[in-house]
Amino acid sequence: MNDETAVLADSSSGRVPMLTRASFAAQVLQGEGPIAVEFMSYGCAHCRAIEPILQQVAAMVKGKEKIFQVNVAVDQGLADSFAIQGTPTIVMFLNGEEAGRVEGASPNLSSVLTAVTQPFE
């Protein structure tokens, strides 16, 4: 299974797909439309707190926006290339270009929904 297949298989499970350095360019930088990427770590309590909320938001915006995650503990170089200073950081992309970011997202539905949709309104 290649990285693209892994992403597609993960998205069919209802969970936010996890990207790697290998799949990031194709899915985000070459992607079309609005895309939000949460740079996270499983060792981060705030990241674990917003994960179920991010899953809900992904279901709410499905078909209008794509949402992915990047585990900075696994892909630190990818986090460095986007100057991620802490987790969670949600970076929004529009047609492959950064359109905004939120650092330390609040773990409630309305703040996460606003964070991932506001740059595209």
C-alpha atoms as a PDB file:
ATOM      1  CA  MET A   1       0.000   0.000   0.000  1.00  0.00           C
ATOM      2  CA  ASN A   2       1.535   3.357  -0.994  1.00  0.00           C
ATOM      3  CA  ASP A   3       1.054   6.598   0.967  1.00  0.00           C
ATOM      4  CA  GLU A   4      -1.821   7.818  -1.209  1.00  0.00           C
ATOM      5  CA  THR A   5      -3.650   4.511  -0.768  1.00  0.00           C
ATOM      6  CA  ALA A   6      -3.051   4.710   2.983  1.00  0.00           C
ATOM      7  CA  VAL A   7      -4.606   8.192   3.090  1.00  0.00           C
ATOM      8  CA  LEU A   8      -7.668   7.055   1.127  1.00  0.00           C
ATOM      9  CA  ALA A   9      -8.118   3.968   3.285  1.00  0.00           C
ATOM     10  CA  ASP A  10      -7.862   6.071   6.452  1.00  0.00           C
ATOM     11  CA  SER A  11     -10.416   8.629   5.221  1.00  0.00           C
ATOM     12  CA  SER A  12     -12.982   5.907   4.523  1.00  0.00           C
ATOM     13  CA  SER A  13     -12.868   4.916   8.205  1.00  0.00           C
ATOM     14  CA  GLY A  14     -14.335   8.271   9.249  1.00  0.00           C
ATOM     15  CA  ARG A  15     -11.101   9.384  10.923  1.00  0.00           C
ATOM     16  CA  VAL A  16      -9.060  12.387   9.868  1.00  0.00           C
ATOM     17  CA  PRO A  17      -6.349  10.998   7.578  1.00  0.00           C
ATOM     18  CA  MET A  18      -2.719  11.163   8.767  1.00  0.00           C
ATOM     19  CA  LEU A  19      -0.248  12.460   6.200  1.00  0.00           C
ATOM     20  CA  THR A  20       3.477  11.784   5.963  1.00  0.00           C
ATOM     21  CA  ARG A  21       6.198  13.753   4.224  1.00  0.00           C
ATOM     22  CA  ALA A  22       5.708  11.459   1.212  1.00  0.00           C
ATOM     23  CA  SER A  23       1.957  12.116   0.898  1.00  0.00           C
ATOM     24  CA  PHE A  24       1.857  15.765   2.024  1.00  0.00           C
ATOM     25  CA  ALA A  25       2.832  17.356  -1.295  1.00  0.00           C
ATOM     26  CA  ALA A  26       0.279  15.438  -3.351  1.00  0.00           C
ATOM     27  CA  GLN A  27      -2.570  15.882  -0.876  1.00  0.00           C
ATOM     28  CA  VAL A  28      -1.949  19.465   0.314  1.00  0.00           C
ATOM     29  CA  LEU A  29       0.528  21.429  -1.805  1.00  0.00           C
ATOM     30  CA  GLN A  30      -0.869  20.081  -5.068  1.00  0.00           C
ATOM     31  CA  GLY A  31      -4.401  19.780  -3.685  1.00  0.00           C
ATOM     32  CA  GLU A  32      -7.250  21.942  -4.867  1.00  0.00           C
ATOM     33  CA  GLY A  33      -9.635  23.905  -2.726  1.00  0.00           C
ATOM     34  CA  PRO A  34      -9.563  24.513   1.009  1.00  0.00           C
ATOM     35  CA  ILE A  35      -7.488  22.126   3.115  1.00  0.00           C
ATOM     36  CA  ALA A  36      -6.763  22.250   6.859  1.00  0.00           C
ATOM     37  CA  VAL A  37      -3.834  20.372   8.391  1.00  0.00           C
ATOM     38  CA  GLU A  38      -3.461  19.835  12.114  1.00  0.00           C
ATOM     39  CA  PHE A  39       0.188  19.464  13.106  1.00  0.00           C
ATOM     40  CA  MET A  40      -0.091  17.366  16.252  1.00  0.00           C
ATOM     41  CA  SER A  41       1.592  14.883  18.550  1.00  0.00           C
ATOM     42  CA  TYR A  42       0.083  12.038  20.544  1.00  0.00           C
ATOM     43  CA  GLY A  43       2.228  13.196  23.477  1.00  0.00           C
ATOM     44  CA  CYS A  44       0.376  16.543  23.491  1.00  0.00           C
ATOM     45  CA  ALA A  45      -2.602  16.674  25.875  1.00  0.00           C
ATOM     46  CA  HIS A  46      -4.246  19.531  23.929  1.00  0.00           C
ATOM     47  CA  CYS A  47      -3.898  17.553  20.685  1.00  0.00           C
ATOM     48  CA  ARG A  48      -5.593  14.546  22.251  1.00  0.00           C
ATOM     49  CA  ALA A  49      -8.352  16.819  23.599  1.00  0.00           C
ATOM     50  CA  ILE A  50      -9.206  18.322  20.211  1.00  0.00           C
ATOM     51  CA  GLU A  51      -8.893  15.082  18.209  1.00  0.00           C
ATOM     52  CA  PRO A  52     -12.537  13.959  18.653  1.00  0.00           C
ATOM     53  CA  ILE A  53     -13.683  17.518  17.937  1.00  0.00           C
ATOM     54  CA  LEU A  54     -11.550  17.632  14.788  1.00  0.00           C
ATOM     55  CA  GLN A  55     -13.234  14.369  13.713  1.00  0.00           C
ATOM     56  CA  GLN A  56     -16.647  16.031  14.167  1.00  0.00           C
ATOM     57  CA  VAL A  57     -15.587  19.133  12.241  1.00  0.00           C
ATOM     58  CA  ALA A  58     -14.213  16.969   9.414  1.00  0.00           C
ATOM     59  CA  ALA A  59     -17.613  15.291   9.109  1.00  0.00           C
ATOM     60  CA  MET A  60     -19.352  18.686   9.125  1.00  0.00           C
ATOM     61  CA  VAL A  61     -17.221  20.147   6.295  1.00  0.00           C
ATOM     62  CA  LYS A  62     -16.921  16.957   4.245  1.00  0.00           C
ATOM     63  CA  GLY A  63     -17.299  17.740   0.552  1.00  0.00           C
ATOM     64  CA  LYS A  64     -16.431  21.421   1.109  1.00  0.00           C
ATOM     65  CA  GLU A  65     -13.021  21.143   2.736  1.00  0.00           C
ATOM     66  CA  LYS A  66     -10.424  18.456   3.408  1.00  0.00           C
ATOM     67  CA  ILE A  67      -8.849  17.996   6.827  1.00  0.00           C
ATOM     68  CA  PHE A  68      -5.652  16.074   7.502  1.00  0.00           C
ATOM     69  CA  GLN A  69      -3.227  15.539  10.385  1.00  0.00           C
ATOM     70  CA  VAL A  70       0.568  15.401  10.534  1.00  0.00           C
ATOM     71  CA  ASN A  71       2.278  13.767  13.521  1.00  0.00           C
ATOM     72  CA  VAL A  72       5.241  16.040  14.252  1.00  0.00           C
ATOM     73  CA  ALA A  73       6.953  13.305  16.286  1.00  0.00           C
ATOM     74  CA  VAL A  74       7.141  11.229  13.103  1.00  0.00           C
ATOM     75  CA  ASP A  75       7.617  14.032  10.539  1.00  0.00           C
ATOM     76  CA  GLN A  76       9.570  16.723  12.400  1.00  0.00           C
ATOM     77  CA  GLY A  77      11.172  17.893   9.144  1.00  0.00           C
ATOM     78  CA  LEU A  78       7.737  18.615   7.702  1.00  0.00           C
ATOM     79  CA  ALA A  79       6.807  20.568  10.838  1.00  0.00           C
ATOM     80  CA  ASP A  80      10.076  22.499  10.587  1.00  0.00           C
ATOM     81  CA  SER A  81       9.428  23.396   6.954  1.00  0.00           C
ATOM     82  CA  PHE A  82       6.188  25.128   8.046  1.00  0.00           C
ATOM     83  CA  ALA A  83       7.772  26.722  11.144  1.00  0.00           C
ATOM     84  CA  ILE A  84       5.500  24.840  13.550  1.00  0.00           C
ATOM     85  CA  GLN A  85       6.462  26.111  17.004  1.00  0.00           C
ATOM     86  CA  GLY A  86       4.035  24.085  19.097  1.00  0.00           C
ATOM     87  CA  THR A  87       1.157  21.670  18.940  1.00  0.00           C
ATOM     88  CA  PRO A  88      -1.617  21.682  18.111  1.00  0.00           C
ATOM     89  CA  THR A  89      -1.210  24.043  15.177  1.00  0.00           C
ATOM     90  CA  ILE A  90      -3.816  24.039  12.433  1.00  0.00           C
ATOM     91  CA  VAL A  91      -2.605  25.423   9.106  1.00  0.00           C
ATOM     92  CA  MET A  92      -5.114  26.203   6.389  1.00  0.00           C
ATOM     93  CA  PHE A  93      -4.169  25.945   2.718  1.00  0.00           C
ATOM     94  CA  LEU A  94      -6.044  27.169  -0.334  1.00  0.00           C
ATOM     95  CA  ASN A  95      -4.918  25.660  -3.635  1.00  0.00           C
ATOM     96  CA  GLY A  96      -1.571  24.687  -2.103  1.00  0.00           C
ATOM     97  CA  GLU A  97      -0.796  28.074  -0.493  1.00  0.00           C
ATOM     98  CA  GLU A  98      -0.985  28.807   3.225  1.00  0.00           C
ATOM     99  CA  ALA A  99      -4.132  30.853   3.919  1.00  0.00           C
ATOM    100  CA  GLY A 100      -3.954  31.043   7.716  1.00  0.00           C
ATOM    101  CA  ARG A 101      -3.041  29.261  10.912  1.00  0.00           C
ATOM    102  CA  VAL A 102      -4.168  28.835  14.485  1.00  0.00           C
ATOM    103  CA  GLU A 103      -1.804  27.752  17.231  1.00  0.00           C
ATOM    104  CA  GLY A 104      -3.050  26.045  20.363  1.00  0.00           C
ATOM    105  CA  ALA A 105      -6.637  25.579  19.226  1.00  0.00           C
ATOM    106  CA  SER A 106      -9.254  25.629  21.976  1.00  0.00           C
ATOM    107  CA  PRO A 107     -10.835  22.201  22.534  1.00  0.00           C
ATOM    108  CA  ASN A 108     -14.433  23.099  21.719  1.00  0.00           C
ATOM    109  CA  LEU A 109     -16.489  22.529  18.597  1.00  0.00           C
ATOM    110  CA  SER A 110     -17.192  26.145  17.683  1.00  0.00           C
ATOM    111  CA  SER A 111     -13.582  27.328  17.997  1.00  0.00           C
ATOM    112  CA  VAL A 112     -12.189  24.418  15.936  1.00  0.00           C
ATOM    113  CA  LEU A 113     -14.907  24.824  13.296  1.00  0.00           C
ATOM    114  CA  THR A 114     -14.160  28.564  13.084  1.00  0.00           C
ATOM    115  CA  ALA A 115     -10.412  27.921  12.898  1.00  0.00           C
ATOM    116  CA  VAL A 116     -10.697  25.579   9.915  1.00  0.00           C
ATOM    117  CA  THR A 117     -13.375  27.478   7.986  1.00  0.00           C
ATOM    118  CA  GLN A 118     -12.850  31.209   8.614  1.00  0.00           C
ATOM    119  CA  PRO A 119      -9.830  31.664   6.288  1.00  0.00           C
ATOM    120  CA  PHE A 120     -11.961  30.373   3.398  1.00  0.00           C
ATOM    121  CA  GLU A 121     -15.032  32.594   3.887  1.00  0.00           C
END
